[in-house]
Amino acid sequence: MLASGEGMTHTVTVTVSDGNGNTNTCTVVLTGDDVTPPTPTCEGPQTIALNPYCTLIVPDLTNGASATDNCSASFTESKSCYWSRTCIRGWSNIQLPLR
């Protein structure tokens, strides 16, 4: 087992012997590829009061979030909305149509 990381390369030499003193070698280059996605833990459901304009202000949902990963100890959090508007990190105004 080799300690490795994403994109890290290792050259491994393979030696073969026929038992009569004859040997030969070849090399194989191995490249680490992190294919396991991180596992997030999100905050629980929240009820947010609408403001006078019937706008819901999405709080920073990264404060109570965490994640684990097999290859990384640092993470970048971001939000995405189910609506057609783009959320930004931190506080976002999202217009919710009343139906």
Protein backbone atom coordinates (compact mmCIF):
# COMPACT_ATOMS: atom_id res chain seq x y z
CA MET A 1 0.00 0.00 0.00
CA LEU A 2 1.32 3.44 -0.96
CA ALA A 3 0.41 6.72 0.68
CA SER A 4 -1.00 8.77 -2.18
CA GLY A 5 -3.31 11.58 -3.16
CA GLU A 6 -5.33 12.92 -6.07
CA GLY A 7 -3.14 13.11 -9.18
CA MET A 8 -0.06 11.81 -7.34
CA THR A 9 2.02 9.43 -9.46
CA HIS A 10 4.13 6.47 -8.34
CA THR A 11 6.51 4.43 -10.45
CA VAL A 12 6.57 0.75 -9.49
CA THR A 13 9.29 -1.56 -10.79
CA VAL A 14 8.29 -5.18 -11.41
CA THR A 15 11.13 -7.70 -11.47
CA VAL A 16 10.76 -11.24 -12.82
CA SER A 17 13.22 -14.09 -12.32
CA ASP A 18 13.34 -17.52 -13.94
CA GLY A 19 15.22 -19.20 -11.05
CA ASN A 20 18.39 -19.61 -13.15
CA GLY A 21 19.79 -16.17 -12.36
CA ASN A 22 18.07 -14.45 -15.26
CA THR A 23 15.98 -11.39 -14.38
CA ASN A 24 14.22 -8.64 -16.20
CA THR A 25 12.23 -5.59 -15.12
CA CYS A 26 9.49 -3.33 -16.30
CA THR A 27 7.91 -0.27 -14.73
CA VAL A 28 4.29 0.67 -14.17
CA VAL A 29 3.18 4.23 -13.40
CA LEU A 30 0.26 4.40 -10.97
CA THR A 31 -1.74 7.63 -10.61
CA GLY A 32 -4.02 8.29 -7.63
CA ASP A 33 -7.62 9.10 -8.59
CA ASP A 34 -10.05 10.05 -5.80
CA VAL A 35 -13.36 8.61 -7.05
CA THR A 36 -15.18 8.58 -3.70
CA PRO A 37 -17.36 11.67 -3.18
CA PRO A 38 -17.48 13.34 0.25
CA THR A 39 -20.38 12.52 2.57
CA PRO A 40 -22.20 15.66 3.79
CA THR A 41 -24.20 16.09 6.97
CA CYS A 42 -26.74 18.88 6.54
CA GLU A 43 -28.67 20.94 9.05
CA GLY A 44 -32.18 19.77 9.83
CA PRO A 45 -35.39 21.24 8.42
CA GLN A 46 -36.09 24.85 9.34
CA THR A 47 -39.17 27.06 9.27
CA ILE A 48 -38.30 30.56 8.10
CA ALA A 49 -40.79 33.44 8.38
CA LEU A 50 -41.48 35.31 5.17
CA ASN A 51 -40.75 39.03 5.21
CA PRO A 52 -43.40 41.65 4.22
CA TYR A 53 -42.52 41.15 0.55
CA CYS A 54 -43.17 37.39 0.78
CA THR A 55 -39.46 36.79 0.30
CA LEU A 56 -37.76 33.97 2.11
CA ILE A 57 -34.22 34.78 3.19
CA VAL A 58 -32.11 31.64 3.03
CA PRO A 59 -29.75 31.53 6.02
CA ASP A 60 -26.17 30.37 5.84
CA LEU A 61 -26.75 26.62 5.92
CA THR A 62 -23.03 25.85 6.07
CA ASN A 63 -22.67 26.74 9.80
CA GLY A 64 -24.19 23.46 10.98
CA ALA A 65 -23.01 21.39 8.03
CA SER A 66 -20.06 19.02 8.04
CA ALA A 67 -18.53 16.45 5.74
CA THR A 68 -16.21 13.47 5.74
CA ASP A 69 -14.02 12.22 2.93
CA ASN A 70 -11.49 9.45 2.39
CA CYS A 71 -8.83 11.78 0.94
CA SER A 72 -9.46 15.29 2.24
CA ALA A 73 -9.85 17.07 5.55
CA SER A 74 -10.85 20.46 4.13
CA PHE A 75 -14.04 21.21 2.21
CA THR A 76 -15.70 23.97 0.25
CA GLU A 77 -19.39 24.42 0.98
CA SER A 78 -21.88 25.95 -1.39
CA LYS A 79 -25.65 26.19 -1.75
CA SER A 80 -27.88 25.60 -4.69
CA CYS A 81 -31.57 26.36 -4.92
CA TYR A 82 -34.45 24.35 -6.26
CA TRP A 83 -35.66 27.54 -7.92
CA SER A 84 -34.33 29.14 -11.06
CA ARG A 85 -32.47 31.84 -9.15
CA THR A 86 -28.88 31.46 -8.08
CA CYS A 87 -27.99 31.36 -4.39
CA ILE A 88 -24.84 32.99 -3.15
CA ARG A 89 -22.75 31.94 -0.19
CA GLY A 90 -24.05 33.47 3.01
CA TRP A 91 -27.42 35.22 2.79
CA SER A 92 -29.52 35.05 -0.36
CA ASN A 93 -32.85 36.56 -1.31
CA ILE A 94 -35.00 34.08 -3.19
CA GLN A 95 -38.41 35.03 -4.49
CA LEU A 96 -40.98 32.31 -3.82
CA PRO A 97 -44.19 32.64 -5.82
CA LEU A 98 -47.38 32.12 -3.80
CA ARG A 99 -49.76 29.62 -5.35
